Amino acid sequence: MVYCRFTGCVAMKAVKYTKEGVVIPSSWVKGWGKPVSIRRGANMVILESPERQASRQRFGQMVRKLRRAVQELGPLTAEQIAAEVAAVRAQRARRS
């Protein structure tokens, strides 16, 4: 199996499983800066740079604010949806 993500392709054979946990090659996290956040998910280990972690947290905050706003507005009617679609289409038509 080959792992291809940010810094190129690395064979998964490079990962070593020990009694204490998993040892990964340092080349996977080089270039991320000194501090690297390591978290464990259900079936995965998540390695993040501080910038990526901050970006993910900001995105989560935006999603929570959006969900809260949608709950406050309540369900939309078909007429409201049609009016929004028409307004967006008109705005896009003006740009082109």
PDB file of N, CA and C in Angstrom:
ATOM      1  N   MET A   1       0.846  -1.177   0.000  1.00  0.00           N
ATOM      2  CA  MET A   1       0.000   0.000   0.000  1.00  0.00           C
ATOM      3  C   MET A   1       0.890   1.238   0.000  1.00  0.00           C
ATOM      4  N   VAL A   2       0.493   2.261  -0.721  1.00  0.00           N
ATOM      5  CA  VAL A   2       1.271   3.493  -0.813  1.00  0.00           C
ATOM      6  C   VAL A   2       0.409   4.640  -0.308  1.00  0.00           C
ATOM      7  N   TYR A   3       1.003   5.486   0.518  1.00  0.00           N
ATOM      8  CA  TYR A   3       0.329   6.645   1.084  1.00  0.00           C
ATOM      9  C   TYR A   3       0.749   7.872   0.301  1.00  0.00           C
ATOM     10  N   CYS A   4      -0.169   8.517  -0.423  1.00  0.00           N
ATOM     11  CA  CYS A   4       0.126   9.738  -1.180  1.00  0.00           C
ATOM     12  C   CYS A   4      -0.736  10.857  -0.624  1.00  0.00           C
ATOM     13  N   ARG A   5      -0.104  11.885  -0.114  1.00  0.00           N
ATOM     14  CA  ARG A   5      -0.887  13.000   0.382  1.00  0.00           C
ATOM     15  C   ARG A   5      -0.149  14.299   0.118  1.00  0.00           C
ATOM     16  N   PHE A   6       0.450  14.901   1.091  1.00  0.00           N
ATOM     17  CA  PHE A   6       0.987  16.244   0.967  1.00  0.00           C
ATOM     18  C   PHE A   6       2.401  16.280   0.385  1.00  0.00           C
ATOM     19  N   THR A   7       3.271  15.405   0.825  1.00  0.00           N
ATOM     20  CA  THR A   7       4.684  15.533   0.469  1.00  0.00           C
ATOM     21  C   THR A   7       5.146  14.460  -0.495  1.00  0.00           C
ATOM     22  N   GLY A   8       4.261  13.847  -1.214  1.00  0.00           N
ATOM     23  CA  GLY A   8       4.671  12.811  -2.153  1.00  0.00           C
ATOM     24  C   GLY A   8       4.206  11.449  -1.689  1.00  0.00           C
ATOM     25  N   CYS A   9       4.761  10.429  -2.289  1.00  0.00           N
ATOM     26  CA  CYS A   9       4.340   9.068  -1.994  1.00  0.00           C
ATOM     27  C   CYS A   9       5.338   8.396  -1.064  1.00  0.00           C
ATOM     28  N   VAL A  10       4.817   7.743  -0.048  1.00  0.00           N
ATOM     29  CA  VAL A  10       5.624   7.001   0.911  1.00  0.00           C
ATOM     30  C   VAL A  10       4.971   5.641   1.092  1.00  0.00           C
ATOM     31  N   ALA A  11       5.750   4.588   1.032  1.00  0.00           N
ATOM     32  CA  ALA A  11       5.188   3.255   1.216  1.00  0.00           C
ATOM     33  C   ALA A  11       4.724   3.091   2.655  1.00  0.00           C
ATOM     34  N   MET A  12       3.565   2.482   2.842  1.00  0.00           N
ATOM     35  CA  MET A  12       3.039   2.247   4.183  1.00  0.00           C
ATOM     36  C   MET A  12       3.912   1.259   4.946  1.00  0.00           C
ATOM     37  N   LYS A  13       4.817   0.556   4.258  1.00  0.00           N
ATOM     38  CA  LYS A  13       5.724  -0.359   4.936  1.00  0.00           C
ATOM     39  C   LYS A  13       6.647   0.404   5.877  1.00  0.00           C
ATOM     40  N   ALA A  14       6.786   1.707   5.684  1.00  0.00           N
ATOM     41  CA  ALA A  14       7.655   2.522   6.528  1.00  0.00           C
ATOM     42  C   ALA A  14       7.088   2.681   7.940  1.00  0.00           C
ATOM     43  N   VAL A  15       5.789   2.432   8.120  1.00  0.00           N
ATOM     44  CA  VAL A  15       5.157   2.539   9.433  1.00  0.00           C
ATOM     45  C   VAL A  15       5.504   1.292  10.237  1.00  0.00           C
ATOM     46  N   LYS A  16       5.909   1.511  11.494  1.00  0.00           N
ATOM     47  CA  LYS A  16       6.256   0.385  12.363  1.00  0.00           C
ATOM     48  C   LYS A  16       5.257   0.316  13.510  1.00  0.00           C
ATOM     49  N   TYR A  17       4.751  -0.860  13.778  1.00  0.00           N
ATOM     50  CA  TYR A  17       3.826  -1.076  14.871  1.00  0.00           C
ATOM     51  C   TYR A  17       4.588  -1.687  16.041  1.00  0.00           C
ATOM     52  N   THR A  18       4.547  -1.036  17.199  1.00  0.00           N
ATOM     53  CA  THR A  18       5.226  -1.515  18.392  1.00  0.00           C
ATOM     54  C   THR A  18       4.204  -1.753  19.489  1.00  0.00           C
ATOM     55  N   LYS A  19       4.654  -2.261  20.630  1.00  0.00           N
ATOM     56  CA  LYS A  19       3.750  -2.474  21.764  1.00  0.00           C
ATOM     57  C   LYS A  19       3.214  -1.151  22.298  1.00  0.00           C
ATOM     58  N   GLU A  20       4.026  -0.098  22.188  1.00  0.00           N
ATOM     59  CA  GLU A  20       3.632   1.207  22.710  1.00  0.00           C
ATOM     60  C   GLU A  20       2.729   1.978  21.750  1.00  0.00           C
ATOM     61  N   GLY A  21       2.765   1.655  20.478  1.00  0.00           N
ATOM     62  CA  GLY A  21       1.941   2.389  19.525  1.00  0.00           C
ATOM     63  C   GLY A  21       2.488   2.274  18.120  1.00  0.00           C
ATOM     64  N   VAL A  22       2.290   3.312  17.346  1.00  0.00           N
ATOM     65  CA  VAL A  22       2.687   3.345  15.945  1.00  0.00           C
ATOM     66  C   VAL A  22       3.824   4.344  15.784  1.00  0.00           C
ATOM     67  N   VAL A  23       4.863   3.947  15.049  1.00  0.00           N
ATOM     68  CA  VAL A  23       5.981   4.836  14.757  1.00  0.00           C
ATOM     69  C   VAL A  23       5.909   5.167  13.269  1.00  0.00           C
ATOM     70  N   ILE A  24       5.856   6.460  12.967  1.00  0.00           N
ATOM     71  CA  ILE A  24       5.755   6.881  11.572  1.00  0.00           C
ATOM     72  C   ILE A  24       7.050   7.562  11.157  1.00  0.00           C
ATOM     73  N   PRO A  25       7.355   7.581   9.875  1.00  0.00           N
ATOM     74  CA  PRO A  25       8.578   8.249   9.410  1.00  0.00           C
ATOM     75  C   PRO A  25       8.496   9.755   9.630  1.00  0.00           C
ATOM     76  N   SER A  26       9.625  10.348  10.023  1.00  0.00           N
ATOM     77  CA  SER A  26       9.647  11.797  10.257  1.00  0.00           C
ATOM     78  C   SER A  26       9.453  12.573   8.963  1.00  0.00           C
ATOM     79  N   SER A  27       9.729  11.949   7.825  1.00  0.00           N
ATOM     80  CA  SER A  27       9.562  12.650   6.546  1.00  0.00           C
ATOM     81  C   SER A  27       8.102  13.014   6.285  1.00  0.00           C
ATOM     82  N   TRP A  28       7.184  12.320   6.939  1.00  0.00           N
ATOM     83  CA  TRP A  28       5.766  12.623   6.746  1.00  0.00           C
ATOM     84  C   TRP A  28       5.393  13.975   7.325  1.00  0.00           C
ATOM     85  N   VAL A  29       6.106  14.428   8.346  1.00  0.00           N
ATOM     86  CA  VAL A  29       5.738  15.683   8.999  1.00  0.00           C
ATOM     87  C   VAL A  29       6.789  16.772   8.831  1.00  0.00           C
ATOM     88  N   LYS A  30       7.827  16.521   8.067  1.00  0.00           N
ATOM     89  CA  LYS A  30       8.839  17.556   7.833  1.00  0.00           C
ATOM     90  C   LYS A  30       8.217  18.718   7.064  1.00  0.00           C
ATOM     91  N   GLY A  31       8.616  19.906   7.405  1.00  0.00           N
ATOM     92  CA  GLY A  31       8.098  21.085   6.733  1.00  0.00           C
ATOM     93  C   GLY A  31       6.840  21.640   7.375  1.00  0.00           C
ATOM     94  N   TRP A  32       6.319  20.984   8.381  1.00  0.00           N
ATOM     95  CA  TRP A  32       5.128  21.476   9.057  1.00  0.00           C
ATOM     96  C   TRP A  32       5.470  22.445  10.166  1.00  0.00           C
ATOM     97  N   GLY A  33       6.732  22.602  10.495  1.00  0.00           N
ATOM     98  CA  GLY A  33       7.148  23.423  11.625  1.00  0.00           C
ATOM     99  C   GLY A  33       7.370  22.534  12.834  1.00  0.00           C
ATOM    100  N   LYS A  34       7.865  23.119  13.906  1.00  0.00           N
ATOM    101  CA  LYS A  34       8.195  22.323  15.096  1.00  0.00           C
ATOM    102  C   LYS A  34       6.975  21.692  15.749  1.00  0.00           C
ATOM    103  N   PRO A  35       5.968  22.474  16.176  1.00  0.00           N
ATOM    104  CA  PRO A  35       4.852  21.833  16.870  1.00  0.00           C
ATOM    105  C   PRO A  35       3.918  21.137  15.882  1.00  0.00           C
ATOM    106  N   VAL A  36       3.604  19.901  16.157  1.00  0.00           N
ATOM    107  CA  VAL A  36       2.655  19.140  15.345  1.00  0.00           C
ATOM    108  C   VAL A  36       1.628  18.551  16.291  1.00  0.00           C
ATOM    109  N   SER A  37       0.372  18.785  16.031  1.00  0.00           N
ATOM    110  CA  SER A  37      -0.707  18.257  16.849  1.00  0.00           C
ATOM    111  C   SER A  37      -0.983  16.817  16.435  1.00  0.00           C
ATOM    112  N   ILE A  38      -1.039  15.933  17.408  1.00  0.00           N
ATOM    113  CA  ILE A  38      -1.322  14.522  17.140  1.00  0.00           C
ATOM    114  C   ILE A  38      -2.558  14.140  17.946  1.00  0.00           C
ATOM    115  N   ARG A  39      -3.577  13.650  17.239  1.00  0.00           N
ATOM    116  CA  ARG A  39      -4.805  13.199  17.894  1.00  0.00           C
ATOM    117  C   ARG A  39      -5.143  11.819  17.387  1.00  0.00           C
ATOM    118  N   ARG A  40      -5.908  11.098  18.155  1.00  0.00           N
ATOM    119  CA  ARG A  40      -6.329   9.769  17.745  1.00  0.00           C
ATOM    120  C   ARG A  40      -7.822   9.779  17.494  1.00  0.00           C
ATOM    121  N   GLY A  41      -8.214   9.346  16.299  1.00  0.00           N
ATOM    122  CA  GLY A  41      -9.618   9.192  15.973  1.00  0.00           C
ATOM    123  C   GLY A  41     -10.034   7.755  16.247  1.00  0.00           C
ATOM    124  N   ALA A  42     -11.200   7.350  15.776  1.00  0.00           N
ATOM    125  CA  ALA A  42     -11.695   6.001  16.005  1.00  0.00           C
ATOM    126  C   ALA A  42     -10.740   4.954  15.433  1.00  0.00           C
ATOM    127  N   ASN A  43     -10.416   5.067  14.165  1.00  0.00           N
ATOM    128  CA  ASN A  43      -9.541   4.100  13.512  1.00  0.00           C
ATOM    129  C   ASN A  43      -8.386   4.774  12.801  1.00  0.00           C
ATOM    130  N   MET A  44      -7.966   5.940  13.309  1.00  0.00           N
ATOM    131  CA  MET A  44      -6.914   6.673  12.613  1.00  0.00           C
ATOM    132  C   MET A  44      -6.146   7.554  13.584  1.00  0.00           C
ATOM    133  N   VAL A  45      -4.983   7.970  13.154  1.00  0.00           N
ATOM    134  CA  VAL A  45      -4.184   8.952  13.873  1.00  0.00           C
ATOM    135  C   VAL A  45      -4.159  10.198  13.006  1.00  0.00           C
ATOM    136  N   ILE A  46      -4.439  11.345  13.613  1.00  0.00           N
ATOM    137  CA  ILE A  46      -4.515  12.597  12.866  1.00  0.00           C
ATOM    138  C   ILE A  46      -3.313  13.455  13.242  1.00  0.00           C
ATOM    139  N   LEU A  47      -2.516  13.798  12.242  1.00  0.00           N
ATOM    140  CA  LEU A  47      -1.354  14.675  12.423  1.00  0.00           C
ATOM    141  C   LEU A  47      -1.671  16.003  11.745  1.00  0.00           C
ATOM    142  N   GLU A  48      -1.546  17.094  12.496  1.00  0.00           N
ATOM    143  CA  GLU A  48      -1.878  18.400  11.934  1.00  0.00           C
ATOM    144  C   GLU A  48      -0.834  19.434  12.313  1.00  0.00           C
ATOM    145  N   SER A  49      -0.595  20.347  11.393  1.00  0.00           N
ATOM    146  CA  SER A  49       0.210  21.518  11.726  1.00  0.00           C
ATOM    147  C   SER A  49      -0.689  22.473  12.499  1.00  0.00           C
ATOM    148  N   PRO A  50      -0.111  23.399  13.251  1.00  0.00           N
ATOM    149  CA  PRO A  50      -0.937  24.363  13.995  1.00  0.00           C
ATOM    150  C   PRO A  50      -1.844  25.188  13.080  1.00  0.00           C
ATOM    151  N   GLU A  51      -1.344  25.530  11.871  1.00  0.00           N
ATOM    152  CA  GLU A  51      -2.165  26.310  10.936  1.00  0.00           C
ATOM    153  C   GLU A  51      -3.382  25.511  10.491  1.00  0.00           C
ATOM    154  N   ARG A  52      -3.173  24.232  10.199  1.00  0.00           N
ATOM    155  CA  ARG A  52      -4.273  23.373   9.754  1.00  0.00           C
ATOM    156  C   ARG A  52      -5.284  23.173  10.864  1.00  0.00           C
ATOM    157  N   GLN A  53      -4.807  23.011  12.084  1.00  0.00           N
ATOM    158  CA  GLN A  53      -5.700  22.844  13.221  1.00  0.00           C
ATOM    159  C   GLN A  53      -6.543  24.099  13.431  1.00  0.00           C
ATOM    160  N   ALA A  54      -5.920  25.279  13.343  1.00  0.00           N
ATOM    161  CA  ALA A  54      -6.654  26.537  13.508  1.00  0.00           C
ATOM    162  C   ALA A  54      -7.687  26.709  12.398  1.00  0.00           C
ATOM    163  N   SER A  55      -7.308  26.351  11.174  1.00  0.00           N
ATOM    164  CA  SER A  55      -8.236  26.443  10.043  1.00  0.00           C
ATOM    165  C   SER A  55      -9.434  25.523  10.246  1.00  0.00           C
ATOM    166  N   ARG A  56      -9.181  24.308  10.715  1.00  0.00           N
ATOM    167  CA  ARG A  56     -10.268  23.344  10.950  1.00  0.00           C
ATOM    168  C   ARG A  56     -11.193  23.849  12.040  1.00  0.00           C
ATOM    169  N   GLN A  57     -10.631  24.448  13.087  1.00  0.00           N
ATOM    170  CA  GLN A  57     -11.458  24.977  14.168  1.00  0.00           C
ATOM    171  C   GLN A  57     -12.304  26.155  13.703  1.00  0.00           C
ATOM    172  N   ARG A  58     -11.723  27.051  12.874  1.00  0.00           N
ATOM    173  CA  ARG A  58     -12.510  28.178  12.329  1.00  0.00           C
ATOM    174  C   ARG A  58     -13.661  27.666  11.467  1.00  0.00           C
ATOM    175  N   PHE A  59     -13.377  26.642  10.660  1.00  0.00           N
ATOM    176  CA  PHE A  59     -14.425  26.069   9.823  1.00  0.00           C
ATOM    177  C   PHE A  59     -15.541  25.481  10.687  1.00  0.00           C
ATOM    178  N   GLY A  60     -15.171  24.794  11.756  1.00  0.00           N
ATOM    179  CA  GLY A  60     -16.176  24.233  12.668  1.00  0.00           C
ATOM    180  C   GLY A  60     -17.035  25.312  13.298  1.00  0.00           C
ATOM    181  N   GLN A  61     -16.411  26.442  13.670  1.00  0.00           N
ATOM    182  CA  GLN A  61     -17.173  27.556  14.241  1.00  0.00           C
ATOM    183  C   GLN A  61     -18.152  28.123  13.230  1.00  0.00           C
ATOM    184  N   MET A  62     -17.711  28.264  11.966  1.00  0.00           N
ATOM    185  CA  MET A  62     -18.607  28.786  10.932  1.00  0.00           C
ATOM    186  C   MET A  62     -19.796  27.853  10.720  1.00  0.00           C
ATOM    187  N   VAL A  63     -19.540  26.549  10.722  1.00  0.00           N
ATOM    188  CA  VAL A  63     -20.617  25.577  10.529  1.00  0.00           C
ATOM    189  C   VAL A  63     -21.607  25.657  11.692  1.00  0.00           C
ATOM    190  N   ARG A  64     -21.100  25.756  12.923  1.00  0.00           N
ATOM    191  CA  ARG A  64     -21.993  25.858  14.083  1.00  0.00           C
ATOM    192  C   ARG A  64     -22.844  27.131  14.017  1.00  0.00           C
ATOM    193  N   LYS A  65     -22.229  28.268  13.629  1.00  0.00           N
ATOM    194  CA  LYS A  65     -22.988  29.523  13.501  1.00  0.00           C
ATOM    195  C   LYS A  65     -24.061  29.406  12.431  1.00  0.00           C
ATOM    196  N   LEU A  66     -23.705  28.767  11.317  1.00  0.00           N
ATOM    197  CA  LEU A  66     -24.674  28.594  10.234  1.00  0.00           C
ATOM    198  C   LEU A  66     -25.834  27.715  10.672  1.00  0.00           C
ATOM    199  N   ARG A  67     -25.536  26.628  11.355  1.00  0.00           N
ATOM    200  CA  ARG A  67     -26.600  25.742  11.831  1.00  0.00           C
ATOM    201  C   ARG A  67     -27.513  26.448  12.828  1.00  0.00           C
ATOM    202  N   ARG A  68     -26.908  27.252  13.716  1.00  0.00           N
ATOM    203  CA  ARG A  68     -27.693  27.999  14.692  1.00  0.00           C
ATOM    204  C   ARG A  68     -28.615  28.999  13.991  1.00  0.00           C
ATOM    205  N   ALA A  69     -28.094  29.693  12.976  1.00  0.00           N
ATOM    206  CA  ALA A  69     -28.894  30.670  12.234  1.00  0.00           C
ATOM    207  C   ALA A  69     -30.041  29.990  11.500  1.00  0.00           C
ATOM    208  N   VAL A  70     -29.774  28.824  10.931  1.00  0.00           N
ATOM    209  CA  VAL A  70     -30.826  28.094  10.211  1.00  0.00           C
ATOM    210  C   VAL A  70     -31.917  27.660  11.175  1.00  0.00           C
ATOM    211  N   GLN A  71     -31.547  27.219  12.378  1.00  0.00           N
ATOM    212  CA  GLN A  71     -32.555  26.820  13.358  1.00  0.00           C
ATOM    213  C   GLN A  71     -33.419  28.003  13.781  1.00  0.00           C
ATOM    214  N   GLU A  72     -32.804  29.176  13.911  1.00  0.00           N
ATOM    215  CA  GLU A  72     -33.562  30.364  14.311  1.00  0.00           C
ATOM    216  C   GLU A  72     -34.534  30.801  13.218  1.00  0.00           C
ATOM    217  N   LEU A  73     -34.117  30.641  11.950  1.00  0.00           N
ATOM    218  CA  LEU A  73     -34.992  31.053  10.843  1.00  0.00           C
ATOM    219  C   LEU A  73     -36.174  30.119  10.668  1.00  0.00           C
ATOM    220  N   GLY A  74     -35.981  28.868  10.950  1.00  0.00           N
ATOM    221  CA  GLY A  74     -37.048  27.900  10.744  1.00  0.00           C
ATOM    222  C   GLY A  74     -37.034  27.395   9.310  1.00  0.00           C
ATOM    223  N   PRO A  75     -37.968  26.499   8.988  1.00  0.00           N
ATOM    224  CA  PRO A  75     -37.980  25.929   7.637  1.00  0.00           C
ATOM    225  C   PRO A  75     -38.372  26.963   6.576  1.00  0.00           C
ATOM    226  N   LEU A  76     -37.777  26.837   5.403  1.00  0.00           N
ATOM    227  CA  LEU A  76     -38.079  27.741   4.295  1.00  0.00           C
ATOM    228  C   LEU A  76     -39.226  27.184   3.466  1.00  0.00           C
ATOM    229  N   THR A  77     -40.013  28.085   2.907  1.00  0.00           N
ATOM    230  CA  THR A  77     -41.089  27.668   2.012  1.00  0.00           C
ATOM    231  C   THR A  77     -40.534  27.558   0.591  1.00  0.00           C
ATOM    232  N   ALA A  78     -41.261  26.913  -0.284  1.00  0.00           N
ATOM    233  CA  ALA A  78     -40.841  26.772  -1.675  1.00  0.00           C
ATOM    234  C   ALA A  78     -40.737  28.138  -2.355  1.00  0.00           C
ATOM    235  N   GLU A  79     -41.610  29.064  -1.986  1.00  0.00           N
ATOM    236  CA  GLU A  79     -41.575  30.401  -2.574  1.00  0.00           C
ATOM    237  C   GLU A  79     -40.306  31.159  -2.159  1.00  0.00           C
ATOM    238  N   GLN A  80     -39.896  31.011  -0.893  1.00  0.00           N
ATOM    239  CA  GLN A  80     -38.677  31.673  -0.428  1.00  0.00           C
ATOM    240  C   GLN A  80     -37.447  31.124  -1.154  1.00  0.00           C
ATOM    241  N   ILE A  81     -37.413  29.824  -1.350  1.00  0.00           N
ATOM    242  CA  ILE A  81     -36.291  29.198  -2.055  1.00  0.00           C
ATOM    243  C   ILE A  81     -36.243  29.686  -3.495  1.00  0.00           C
ATOM    244  N   ALA A  82     -37.401  29.716  -4.158  1.00  0.00           N
ATOM    245  CA  ALA A  82     -37.459  30.176  -5.544  1.00  0.00           C
ATOM    246  C   ALA A  82     -37.016  31.633  -5.654  1.00  0.00           C
ATOM    247  N   ALA A  83     -37.400  32.465  -4.697  1.00  0.00           N
ATOM    248  CA  ALA A  83     -37.004  33.872  -4.717  1.00  0.00           C
ATOM    249  C   ALA A  83     -35.492  34.015  -4.545  1.00  0.00           C
ATOM    250  N   GLU A  84     -34.883  33.241  -3.643  1.00  0.00           N
ATOM    251  CA  GLU A  84     -33.429  33.288  -3.447  1.00  0.00           C
ATOM    252  C   GLU A  84     -32.691  32.834  -4.689  1.00  0.00           C
ATOM    253  N   VAL A  85     -33.165  31.755  -5.311  1.00  0.00           N
ATOM    254  CA  VAL A  85     -32.536  31.245  -6.537  1.00  0.00           C
ATOM    255  C   VAL A  85     -32.615  32.297  -7.640  1.00  0.00           C
ATOM    256  N   ALA A  86     -33.759  32.924  -7.777  1.00  0.00           N
ATOM    257  CA  ALA A  86     -33.920  33.955  -8.804  1.00  0.00           C
ATOM    258  C   ALA A  86     -32.991  35.140  -8.543  1.00  0.00           C
ATOM    259  N   ALA A  87     -32.851  35.532  -7.273  1.00  0.00           N
ATOM    260  CA  ALA A  87     -31.984  36.661  -6.935  1.00  0.00           C
ATOM    261  C   ALA A  87     -30.519  36.342  -7.243  1.00  0.00           C
ATOM    262  N   VAL A  88     -30.081  35.130  -6.933  1.00  0.00           N
ATOM    263  CA  VAL A  88     -28.696  34.729  -7.210  1.00  0.00           C
ATOM    264  C   VAL A  88     -28.457  34.672  -8.711  1.00  0.00           C
ATOM    265  N   ARG A  89     -29.406  34.112  -9.446  1.00  0.00           N
ATOM    266  CA  ARG A  89     -29.259  34.025 -10.906  1.00  0.00           C
ATOM    267  C   ARG A  89     -29.196  35.409 -11.529  1.00  0.00           C
ATOM    268  N   ALA A  90     -30.003  36.334 -11.036  1.00  0.00           N
ATOM    269  CA  ALA A  90     -29.995  37.695 -11.567  1.00  0.00           C
ATOM    270  C   ALA A  90     -28.660  38.379 -11.273  1.00  0.00           C
ATOM    271  N   GLN A  91     -28.136  38.161 -10.084  1.00  0.00           N
ATOM    272  CA  GLN A  91     -26.850  38.758  -9.716  1.00  0.00           C
ATOM    273  C   GLN A  91     -25.729  38.185 -10.583  1.00  0.00           C
ATOM    274  N   ARG A  92     -25.743  36.883 -10.822  1.00  0.00           N
ATOM    275  CA  ARG A  92     -24.723  36.254 -11.652  1.00  0.00           C
ATOM    276  C   ARG A  92     -24.847  36.702 -13.113  1.00  0.00           C
ATOM    277  N   ALA A  93     -26.092  36.939 -13.568  1.00  0.00           N
ATOM    278  CA  ALA A  93     -26.295  37.382 -14.952  1.00  0.00           C
ATOM    279  C   ALA A  93     -25.718  38.783 -15.156  1.00  0.00           C
ATOM    280  N   ARG A  94     -25.791  39.611 -14.105  1.00  0.00           N
ATOM    281  CA  ARG A  94     -25.230  40.967 -14.203  1.00  0.00           C
ATOM    282  C   ARG A  94     -23.707  40.945 -14.307  1.00  0.00           C
ATOM    283  N   ARG A  95     -23.068  39.949 -13.671  1.00  0.00           N
ATOM    284  CA  ARG A  95     -21.606  39.860 -13.696  1.00  0.00           C
ATOM    285  C   ARG A  95     -21.074  39.469 -15.064  1.00  0.00           C
ATOM    286  N   SER A  96     -21.797  38.604 -15.771  1.00  0.00           N
ATOM    287  CA  SER A  96     -21.255  38.125 -17.056  1.00  0.00           C
ATOM    288  C   SER A  96     -21.709  38.932 -18.225  1.00  0.00           C
TER     289      SER A  96
END
